[in-house]
PDB file of N, CA and C in Angstrom:
ATOM      1  N   MET A   1       7.113  -8.302   1.024  1.00  0.00           N
ATOM      2  CA  MET A   1       6.217  -7.279   0.532  1.00  0.00           C
ATOM      3  C   MET A   1       5.231  -6.936   1.629  1.00  0.00           C
ATOM      4  N   TYR A   2       4.742  -5.713   1.623  1.00  0.00           N
ATOM      5  CA  TYR A   2       3.823  -5.321   2.679  1.00  0.00           C
ATOM      6  C   TYR A   2       2.402  -5.172   2.168  1.00  0.00           C
ATOM      7  N   ALA A   3       1.582  -4.499   2.903  1.00  0.00           N
ATOM      8  CA  ALA A   3       0.132  -4.561   2.755  1.00  0.00           C
ATOM      9  C   ALA A   3      -0.465  -3.539   1.795  1.00  0.00           C
ATOM     10  N   TYR A   4      -1.733  -3.758   1.528  1.00  0.00           N
ATOM     11  CA  TYR A   4      -2.556  -2.777   0.843  1.00  0.00           C
ATOM     12  C   TYR A   4      -3.937  -2.817   1.482  1.00  0.00           C
ATOM     13  N   ALA A   5      -4.700  -1.762   1.271  1.00  0.00           N
ATOM     14  CA  ALA A   5      -6.065  -1.702   1.791  1.00  0.00           C
ATOM     15  C   ALA A   5      -6.997  -1.369   0.639  1.00  0.00           C
ATOM     16  N   VAL A   6      -8.155  -1.987   0.657  1.00  0.00           N
ATOM     17  CA  VAL A   6      -9.162  -1.747  -0.377  1.00  0.00           C
ATOM     18  C   VAL A   6     -10.470  -1.378   0.305  1.00  0.00           C
ATOM     19  N   THR A   7     -11.089  -0.320  -0.166  1.00  0.00           N
ATOM     20  CA  THR A   7     -12.413   0.068   0.303  1.00  0.00           C
ATOM     21  C   THR A   7     -13.313   0.186  -0.921  1.00  0.00           C
ATOM     22  N   ARG A   8     -14.416  -0.549  -0.884  1.00  0.00           N
ATOM     23  CA  ARG A   8     -15.363  -0.493  -2.003  1.00  0.00           C
ATOM     24  C   ARG A   8     -16.700   0.007  -1.474  1.00  0.00           C
ATOM     25  N   ALA A   9     -17.230   1.002  -2.140  1.00  0.00           N
ATOM     26  CA  ALA A   9     -18.541   1.534  -1.799  1.00  0.00           C
ATOM     27  C   ALA A   9     -19.382   1.560  -3.075  1.00  0.00           C
ATOM     28  N   ASP A  10     -20.610   2.008  -2.932  1.00  0.00           N
ATOM     29  CA  ASP A  10     -21.492   2.031  -4.100  1.00  0.00           C
ATOM     30  C   ASP A  10     -20.911   2.853  -5.248  1.00  0.00           C
ATOM     31  N   ARG A  11     -20.278   3.964  -4.918  1.00  0.00           N
ATOM     32  CA  ARG A  11     -19.825   4.872  -5.969  1.00  0.00           C
ATOM     33  C   ARG A  11     -18.318   5.008  -6.099  1.00  0.00           C
ATOM     34  N   LEU A  12     -17.571   4.661  -5.066  1.00  0.00           N
ATOM     35  CA  LEU A  12     -16.132   4.906  -5.088  1.00  0.00           C
ATOM     36  C   LEU A  12     -15.361   3.698  -4.563  1.00  0.00           C
ATOM     37  N   THR A  13     -14.276   3.367  -5.246  1.00  0.00           N
ATOM     38  CA  THR A  13     -13.343   2.335  -4.786  1.00  0.00           C
ATOM     39  C   THR A  13     -12.012   3.015  -4.534  1.00  0.00           C
ATOM     40  N   SER A  14     -11.402   2.712  -3.394  1.00  0.00           N
ATOM     41  CA  SER A  14     -10.072   3.248  -3.096  1.00  0.00           C
ATOM     42  C   SER A  14      -9.144   2.091  -2.752  1.00  0.00           C
ATOM     43  N   ILE A  15      -7.918   2.224  -3.217  1.00  0.00           N
ATOM     44  CA  ILE A  15      -6.887   1.219  -2.972  1.00  0.00           C
ATOM     45  C   ILE A  15      -5.637   1.965  -2.541  1.00  0.00           C
ATOM     46  N   GLY A  16      -5.059   1.582  -1.409  1.00  0.00           N
ATOM     47  CA  GLY A  16      -3.885   2.290  -0.907  1.00  0.00           C
ATOM     48  C   GLY A  16      -2.849   1.356  -0.318  1.00  0.00           C
ATOM     49  N   SER A  17      -1.615   1.839  -0.289  1.00  0.00           N
ATOM     50  CA  SER A  17      -0.504   1.076   0.272  1.00  0.00           C
ATOM     51  C   SER A  17       0.475   2.048   0.928  1.00  0.00           C
ATOM     52  N   PRO A  18       1.074   1.661   2.053  1.00  0.00           N
ATOM     53  CA  PRO A  18       1.989   2.564   2.754  1.00  0.00           C
ATOM     54  C   PRO A  18       3.313   2.744   2.020  1.00  0.00           C
ATOM     55  N   VAL A  19       3.897   3.921   2.200  1.00  0.00           N
ATOM     56  CA  VAL A  19       5.247   4.226   1.706  1.00  0.00           C
ATOM     57  C   VAL A  19       6.140   4.332   2.939  1.00  0.00           C
ATOM     58  N   LEU A  20       7.253   3.585   2.927  1.00  0.00           N
ATOM     59  CA  LEU A  20       8.157   3.517   4.079  1.00  0.00           C
ATOM     60  C   LEU A  20       9.484   4.193   3.758  1.00  0.00           C
ATOM     61  N   ASP A  21      10.117   4.747   4.790  1.00  0.00           N
ATOM     62  CA  ASP A  21      11.441   5.345   4.597  1.00  0.00           C
ATOM     63  C   ASP A  21      12.537   4.356   5.001  1.00  0.00           C
ATOM     64  N   HIS A  22      13.769   4.843   5.090  1.00  0.00           N
ATOM     65  CA  HIS A  22      14.924   3.983   5.385  1.00  0.00           C
ATOM     66  C   HIS A  22      14.868   3.346   6.772  1.00  0.00           C
ATOM     67  N   THR A  23      14.057   3.907   7.672  1.00  0.00           N
ATOM     68  CA  THR A  23      13.944   3.327   9.013  1.00  0.00           C
ATOM     69  C   THR A  23      12.780   2.350   9.114  1.00  0.00           C
ATOM     70  N   GLY A  24      11.993   2.251   8.045  1.00  0.00           N
ATOM     71  CA  GLY A  24      10.810   1.404   8.071  1.00  0.00           C
ATOM     72  C   GLY A  24       9.579   2.121   8.581  1.00  0.00           C
ATOM     73  N   SER A  25       9.713   3.419   8.828  1.00  0.00           N
ATOM     74  CA  SER A  25       8.572   4.208   9.295  1.00  0.00           C
ATOM     75  C   SER A  25       7.663   4.553   8.126  1.00  0.00           C
ATOM     76  N   ILE A  26       6.377   4.558   8.378  1.00  0.00           N
ATOM     77  CA  ILE A  26       5.429   4.982   7.357  1.00  0.00           C
ATOM     78  C   ILE A  26       5.526   6.494   7.228  1.00  0.00           C
ATOM     79  N   VAL A  27       5.835   6.951   6.026  1.00  0.00           N
ATOM     80  CA  VAL A  27       5.980   8.385   5.789  1.00  0.00           C
ATOM     81  C   VAL A  27       4.942   8.916   4.807  1.00  0.00           C
ATOM     82  N   GLY A  28       4.117   8.039   4.306  1.00  0.00           N
ATOM     83  CA  GLY A  28       3.086   8.454   3.367  1.00  0.00           C
ATOM     84  C   GLY A  28       2.332   7.246   2.848  1.00  0.00           C
ATOM     85  N   ALA A  29       1.563   7.492   1.822  1.00  0.00           N
ATOM     86  CA  ALA A  29       0.799   6.410   1.201  1.00  0.00           C
ATOM     87  C   ALA A  29       0.612   6.725  -0.276  1.00  0.00           C
ATOM     88  N   LEU A  30       0.472   5.678  -1.031  1.00  0.00           N
ATOM     89  CA  LEU A  30       0.131   5.802  -2.436  1.00  0.00           C
ATOM     90  C   LEU A  30      -1.266   5.232  -2.576  1.00  0.00           C
ATOM     91  N   ALA A  31      -2.173   6.019  -3.157  1.00  0.00           N
ATOM     92  CA  ALA A  31      -3.560   5.571  -3.246  1.00  0.00           C
ATOM     93  C   ALA A  31      -4.127   5.849  -4.631  1.00  0.00           C
ATOM     94  N   VAL A  32      -5.074   5.014  -5.004  1.00  0.00           N
ATOM     95  CA  VAL A  32      -5.795   5.150  -6.259  1.00  0.00           C
ATOM     96  C   VAL A  32      -7.281   5.177  -5.922  1.00  0.00           C
ATOM     97  N   PHE A  33      -7.991   6.114  -6.512  1.00  0.00           N
ATOM     98  CA  PHE A  33      -9.431   6.221  -6.323  1.00  0.00           C
ATOM     99  C   PHE A  33     -10.087   6.182  -7.698  1.00  0.00           C
ATOM    100  N   ALA A  34     -11.202   5.479  -7.800  1.00  0.00           N
ATOM    101  CA  ALA A  34     -11.914   5.394  -9.069  1.00  0.00           C
ATOM    102  C   ALA A  34     -13.389   5.118  -8.811  1.00  0.00           C
ATOM    103  N   PRO A  35     -14.227   5.511  -9.756  1.00  0.00           N
ATOM    104  CA  PRO A  35     -15.635   5.133  -9.622  1.00  0.00           C
ATOM    105  C   PRO A  35     -15.738   3.607  -9.580  1.00  0.00           C
ATOM    106  N   THR A  36     -16.540   3.092  -8.690  1.00  0.00           N
ATOM    107  CA  THR A  36     -16.643   1.645  -8.499  1.00  0.00           C
ATOM    108  C   THR A  36     -17.002   0.925  -9.793  1.00  0.00           C
ATOM    109  N   PHE A  37     -17.820   1.523 -10.633  1.00  0.00           N
ATOM    110  CA  PHE A  37     -18.199   0.844 -11.873  1.00  0.00           C
ATOM    111  C   PHE A  37     -17.017   0.677 -12.829  1.00  0.00           C
ATOM    112  N   ARG A  38     -15.915   1.404 -12.592  1.00  0.00           N
ATOM    113  CA  ARG A  38     -14.717   1.272 -13.425  1.00  0.00           C
ATOM    114  C   ARG A  38     -13.726   0.239 -12.885  1.00  0.00           C
ATOM    115  N   VAL A  39     -14.024  -0.306 -11.696  1.00  0.00           N
ATOM    116  CA  VAL A  39     -13.132  -1.292 -11.068  1.00  0.00           C
ATOM    117  C   VAL A  39     -13.930  -2.575 -10.828  1.00  0.00           C
ATOM    118  N   PRO A  40     -13.995  -3.441 -11.831  1.00  0.00           N
ATOM    119  CA  PRO A  40     -14.761  -4.680 -11.665  1.00  0.00           C
ATOM    120  C   PRO A  40     -14.166  -5.560 -10.567  1.00  0.00           C
ATOM    121  N   ASP A  41     -15.028  -6.342  -9.932  1.00  0.00           N
ATOM    122  CA  ASP A  41     -14.596  -7.208  -8.833  1.00  0.00           C
ATOM    123  C   ASP A  41     -13.399  -8.080  -9.198  1.00  0.00           C
ATOM    124  N   ASP A  42     -13.376  -8.587 -10.425  1.00  0.00           N
ATOM    125  CA  ASP A  42     -12.292  -9.487 -10.815  1.00  0.00           C
ATOM    126  C   ASP A  42     -10.965  -8.774 -11.049  1.00  0.00           C
ATOM    127  N   ARG A  43     -10.936  -7.442 -10.972  1.00  0.00           N
ATOM    128  CA  ARG A  43      -9.699  -6.682 -11.181  1.00  0.00           C
ATOM    129  C   ARG A  43      -9.170  -6.014  -9.911  1.00  0.00           C
ATOM    130  N   VAL A  44      -9.928  -6.058  -8.823  1.00  0.00           N
ATOM    131  CA  VAL A  44      -9.534  -5.366  -7.594  1.00  0.00           C
ATOM    132  C   VAL A  44      -8.171  -5.838  -7.097  1.00  0.00           C
ATOM    133  N   VAL A  45      -7.954  -7.137  -7.019  1.00  0.00           N
ATOM    134  CA  VAL A  45      -6.681  -7.657  -6.506  1.00  0.00           C
ATOM    135  C   VAL A  45      -5.524  -7.227  -7.412  1.00  0.00           C
ATOM    136  N   LYS A  46      -5.711  -7.277  -8.718  1.00  0.00           N
ATOM    137  CA  LYS A  46      -4.656  -6.861  -9.650  1.00  0.00           C
ATOM    138  C   LYS A  46      -4.303  -5.390  -9.442  1.00  0.00           C
ATOM    139  N   PHE A  47      -5.322  -4.517  -9.334  1.00  0.00           N
ATOM    140  CA  PHE A  47      -5.062  -3.096  -9.103  1.00  0.00           C
ATOM    141  C   PHE A  47      -4.397  -2.877  -7.741  1.00  0.00           C
ATOM    142  N   ALA A  48      -4.812  -3.643  -6.727  1.00  0.00           N
ATOM    143  CA  ALA A  48      -4.207  -3.523  -5.399  1.00  0.00           C
ATOM    144  C   ALA A  48      -2.738  -3.939  -5.435  1.00  0.00           C
ATOM    145  N   GLU A  49      -2.435  -5.021  -6.134  1.00  0.00           N
ATOM    146  CA  GLU A  49      -1.041  -5.460  -6.247  1.00  0.00           C
ATOM    147  C   GLU A  49      -0.201  -4.427  -7.000  1.00  0.00           C
ATOM    148  N   MET A  50      -0.763  -3.817  -8.028  1.00  0.00           N
ATOM    149  CA  MET A  50      -0.031  -2.790  -8.774  1.00  0.00           C
ATOM    150  C   MET A  50       0.248  -1.570  -7.883  1.00  0.00           C
ATOM    151  N   THR A  51      -0.743  -1.183  -7.076  1.00  0.00           N
ATOM    152  CA  THR A  51      -0.563  -0.059  -6.153  1.00  0.00           C
ATOM    153  C   THR A  51       0.504  -0.395  -5.115  1.00  0.00           C
ATOM    154  N   ARG A  52       0.430  -1.600  -4.560  1.00  0.00           N
ATOM    155  CA  ARG A  52       1.411  -2.049  -3.569  1.00  0.00           C
ATOM    156  C   ARG A  52       2.821  -2.058  -4.165  1.00  0.00           C
ATOM    157  N   ASP A  53       2.957  -2.574  -5.382  1.00  0.00           N
ATOM    158  CA  ASP A  53       4.276  -2.640  -6.026  1.00  0.00           C
ATOM    159  C   ASP A  53       4.844  -1.249  -6.291  1.00  0.00           C
ATOM    160  N   ALA A  54       3.982  -0.313  -6.697  1.00  0.00           N
ATOM    161  CA  ALA A  54       4.441   1.057  -6.939  1.00  0.00           C
ATOM    162  C   ALA A  54       4.873   1.718  -5.631  1.00  0.00           C
ATOM    163  N   ALA A  55       4.115   1.486  -4.553  1.00  0.00           N
ATOM    164  CA  ALA A  55       4.492   2.026  -3.240  1.00  0.00           C
ATOM    165  C   ALA A  55       5.801   1.408  -2.767  1.00  0.00           C
ATOM    166  N   ASP A  56       6.003   0.133  -3.063  1.00  0.00           N
ATOM    167  CA  ASP A  56       7.246  -0.543  -2.699  1.00  0.00           C
ATOM    168  C   ASP A  56       8.434   0.085  -3.445  1.00  0.00           C
ATOM    169  N   GLU A  57       8.275   0.340  -4.731  1.00  0.00           N
ATOM    170  CA  GLU A  57       9.352   0.972  -5.500  1.00  0.00           C
ATOM    171  C   GLU A  57       9.679   2.358  -4.939  1.00  0.00           C
ATOM    172  N   LEU A  58       8.648   3.126  -4.598  1.00  0.00           N
ATOM    173  CA  LEU A  58       8.865   4.442  -4.003  1.00  0.00           C
ATOM    174  C   LEU A  58       9.580   4.316  -2.660  1.00  0.00           C
ATOM    175  N   SER A  59       9.185   3.332  -1.858  1.00  0.00           N
ATOM    176  CA  SER A  59       9.830   3.104  -0.562  1.00  0.00           C
ATOM    177  C   SER A  59      11.310   2.776  -0.733  1.00  0.00           C
ATOM    178  N   VAL A  60      11.622   1.911  -1.675  1.00  0.00           N
ATOM    179  CA  VAL A  60      13.016   1.540  -1.926  1.00  0.00           C
ATOM    180  C   VAL A  60      13.815   2.772  -2.348  1.00  0.00           C
ATOM    181  N   SER A  61      13.214   3.641  -3.147  1.00  0.00           N
ATOM    182  CA  SER A  61      13.926   4.857  -3.571  1.00  0.00           C
ATOM    183  C   SER A  61      14.188   5.798  -2.394  1.00  0.00           C
ATOM    184  N   MET A  62      13.436   5.602  -1.289  1.00  0.00           N
ATOM    185  CA  MET A  62      13.633   6.408  -0.080  1.00  0.00           C
ATOM    186  C   MET A  62      14.514   5.695   0.940  1.00  0.00           C
ATOM    187  N   GLY A  63      15.122   4.571   0.530  1.00  0.00           N
ATOM    188  CA  GLY A  63      16.065   3.882   1.400  1.00  0.00           C
ATOM    189  C   GLY A  63      15.528   2.664   2.117  1.00  0.00           C
ATOM    190  N   TYR A  64      14.242   2.360   1.935  1.00  0.00           N
ATOM    191  CA  TYR A  64      13.664   1.169   2.559  1.00  0.00           C
ATOM    192  C   TYR A  64      14.334  -0.070   1.978  1.00  0.00           C
ATOM    193  N   GLU A  65      14.658  -1.039   2.841  1.00  0.00           N
ATOM    194  CA  GLU A  65      15.270  -2.289   2.392  1.00  0.00           C
ATOM    195  C   GLU A  65      14.226  -3.385   2.410  1.00  0.00           C
ATOM    196  N   ARG A  66      13.918  -3.928   1.241  1.00  0.00           N
ATOM    197  CA  ARG A  66      12.946  -5.023   1.149  1.00  0.00           C
ATOM    198  C   ARG A  66      13.376  -6.183   2.036  1.00  0.00           C
ATOM    199  N   GLY A  67      12.405  -6.773   2.713  1.00  0.00           N
ATOM    200  CA  GLY A  67      12.677  -7.955   3.524  1.00  0.00           C
ATOM    201  C   GLY A  67      13.332  -7.660   4.852  1.00  0.00           C
ATOM    202  N   SER A  68      13.527  -6.400   5.169  1.00  0.00           N
ATOM    203  CA  SER A  68      14.152  -6.049   6.437  1.00  0.00           C
ATOM    204  C   SER A  68      13.187  -6.323   7.584  1.00  0.00           C
ATOM    205  N   GLN A  69      13.567  -7.180   8.512  1.00  0.00           N
ATOM    206  CA  GLN A  69      12.711  -7.505   9.653  1.00  0.00           C
ATOM    207  C   GLN A  69      12.431  -6.262  10.480  1.00  0.00           C
ATOM    208  N   LYS A  70      13.429  -5.408  10.654  1.00  0.00           N
ATOM    209  CA  LYS A  70      13.243  -4.176  11.419  1.00  0.00           C
ATOM    210  C   LYS A  70      12.168  -3.312  10.779  1.00  0.00           C
ATOM    211  N   SER A  71      12.247  -3.157   9.461  1.00  0.00           N
ATOM    212  CA  SER A  71      11.284  -2.322   8.762  1.00  0.00           C
ATOM    213  C   SER A  71       9.878  -2.887   8.879  1.00  0.00           C
ATOM    214  N   THR A  72       9.734  -4.173   8.669  1.00  0.00           N
ATOM    215  CA  THR A  72       8.421  -4.800   8.734  1.00  0.00           C
ATOM    216  C   THR A  72       7.827  -4.687  10.127  1.00  0.00           C
ATOM    217  N   SER A  73       8.615  -4.988  11.148  1.00  0.00           N
ATOM    218  CA  SER A  73       8.075  -4.939  12.500  1.00  0.00           C
ATOM    219  C   SER A  73       7.737  -3.517  12.932  1.00  0.00           C
ATOM    220  N   THR A  74       8.435  -2.517  12.407  1.00  0.00           N
ATOM    221  CA  THR A  74       8.150  -1.122  12.765  1.00  0.00           C
ATOM    222  C   THR A  74       6.751  -0.723  12.336  1.00  0.00           C
ATOM    223  N   TRP A  75       6.393  -0.979  11.081  1.00  0.00           N
ATOM    224  CA  TRP A  75       5.072  -0.518  10.643  1.00  0.00           C
ATOM    225  C   TRP A  75       3.963  -1.406  11.165  1.00  0.00           C
ATOM    226  N   VAL A  76       4.219  -2.693  11.389  1.00  0.00           N
ATOM    227  CA  VAL A  76       3.189  -3.553  11.958  1.00  0.00           C
ATOM    228  C   VAL A  76       2.882  -3.104  13.385  1.00  0.00           C
ATOM    229  N   ALA A  77       3.915  -2.768  14.145  1.00  0.00           N
ATOM    230  CA  ALA A  77       3.718  -2.307  15.522  1.00  0.00           C
ATOM    231  C   ALA A  77       2.886  -1.031  15.541  1.00  0.00           C
ATOM    232  N   ARG A  78       3.147  -0.141  14.605  1.00  0.00           N
ATOM    233  CA  ARG A  78       2.380   1.108  14.584  1.00  0.00           C
ATOM    234  C   ARG A  78       0.934   0.881  14.194  1.00  0.00           C
ATOM    235  N   LEU A  79       0.693  -0.058  13.285  1.00  0.00           N
ATOM    236  CA  LEU A  79      -0.686  -0.334  12.873  1.00  0.00           C
ATOM    237  C   LEU A  79      -1.484  -0.986  13.992  1.00  0.00           C
ATOM    238  N   SER A  80      -0.811  -1.678  14.891  1.00  0.00           N
ATOM    239  CA  SER A  80      -1.525  -2.398  15.944  1.00  0.00           C
ATOM    240  C   SER A  80      -1.807  -1.532  17.173  1.00  0.00           C
ATOM    241  N   ARG A  81      -1.343  -0.298  17.184  1.00  0.00           N
ATOM    242  CA  ARG A  81      -1.586   0.585  18.349  1.00  0.00           C
ATOM    243  C   ARG A  81      -3.005   1.059  18.412  1.00  0.00           C
TER     244      ARG A  81
END
């Protein structure tokens, strides 16, 4: 499984996860935004995991192969540039 990002501010919380294609390239993202008061601290990880899982399902529908070393190394290399 791959990553998610969480940003929490006074008024807005955003949670996002990359969407990958059949080559493992990042082709988009799935994100959720909500007022921070609607996302309690104890629920952030659960919402992030749900976002990540939904992005993973979308990636698989685009040909991404779960657990593919090529796919994982492709997006990690791009994030580290």
